[in-house]
Amino acid sequence: MSLELLSKLETKIQAALETIELLRMELEDEKQKGISLADRNQQLSQDLNAWTEKVTGLVGLLNEEVS
């Protein structure tokens, strides 16, 4: 192989390594976003359950008053 071909190969390998590193960083960011969204989803589910219990209780009180 000529020195020129080796130089081109080295350049392409370096570019591939940089791309891989950027993709790894992007993947880590997306994982963190996923964790944050999962946490937010859990909190919203808990809030929904609390509101559902409150509304069910209020409806029960109204039913007792009507009966």
Protein backbone atom coordinates (compact mmCIF):
# COMPACT_ATOMS: atom_id res chain seq x y z
CA MET A 1 0.00 0.00 0.00
CA SER A 2 1.23 3.43 -0.75
CA LEU A 3 1.73 6.11 1.85
CA GLU A 4 -1.07 8.15 0.26
CA LEU A 5 -3.56 5.28 0.63
CA LEU A 6 -2.56 4.76 4.25
CA SER A 7 -3.05 8.45 4.91
CA LYS A 8 -6.54 8.36 3.36
CA LEU A 9 -7.38 5.26 5.38
CA GLU A 10 -6.18 6.93 8.57
CA THR A 11 -8.32 9.99 7.81
CA LYS A 12 -11.41 7.84 7.23
CA ILE A 13 -10.80 5.84 10.40
CA GLN A 14 -10.38 9.02 12.42
CA ALA A 15 -13.62 10.42 10.98
CA ALA A 16 -15.42 7.15 11.80
CA LEU A 17 -14.12 7.23 15.38
CA GLU A 18 -15.27 10.82 15.82
CA THR A 19 -18.71 9.92 14.44
CA ILE A 20 -18.95 6.96 16.83
CA GLU A 21 -18.04 9.17 19.78
CA LEU A 22 -20.63 11.78 18.80
CA LEU A 23 -23.28 9.08 18.46
CA ARG A 24 -22.37 7.67 21.87
CA MET A 25 -22.76 11.11 23.42
CA GLU A 26 -26.08 11.59 21.66
CA LEU A 27 -27.25 8.18 22.87
CA GLU A 28 -26.34 9.05 26.45
CA ASP A 29 -28.30 12.31 26.16
CA GLU A 30 -31.32 10.43 24.84
CA LYS A 31 -31.06 7.90 27.67
CA GLN A 32 -31.08 10.75 30.20
CA LYS A 33 -34.11 12.29 28.51
CA GLY A 34 -35.84 8.92 28.63
CA ILE A 35 -35.15 8.62 32.35
CA SER A 36 -36.46 12.13 32.93
CA LEU A 37 -39.59 11.40 30.92
CA ALA A 38 -40.17 8.15 32.78
CA ASP A 39 -39.87 10.00 36.09
CA ARG A 40 -42.29 12.68 34.90
CA ASN A 41 -44.71 10.03 33.67
CA GLN A 42 -44.65 8.31 37.06
CA GLN A 43 -45.32 11.60 38.83
CA LEU A 44 -48.22 12.40 36.52
CA SER A 45 -49.67 8.91 37.04
CA GLN A 46 -49.54 9.43 40.80
CA ASP A 47 -51.21 12.82 40.42
CA LEU A 48 -53.93 11.28 38.25
CA ASN A 49 -54.57 8.57 40.82
CA ALA A 50 -54.82 11.15 43.59
CA TRP A 51 -57.30 13.26 41.59
CA THR A 52 -59.30 10.17 40.67
CA GLU A 53 -59.60 9.25 44.35
CA LYS A 54 -60.66 12.78 45.26
CA VAL A 55 -63.28 12.94 42.50
CA THR A 56 -64.58 9.47 43.41
CA GLY A 57 -64.89 10.57 47.03
CA LEU A 58 -66.74 13.75 46.07
CA VAL A 59 -69.11 11.84 43.79
CA GLY A 60 -69.74 9.44 46.67
CA LEU A 61 -70.61 12.38 48.95
CA LEU A 62 -72.99 13.77 46.34
CA ASN A 63 -74.66 10.39 45.97
CA GLU A 64 -75.14 10.19 49.75
CA GLU A 65 -76.72 13.64 49.78
CA VAL A 66 -79.12 12.78 46.94
CA SER A 67 -80.18 9.47 48.49
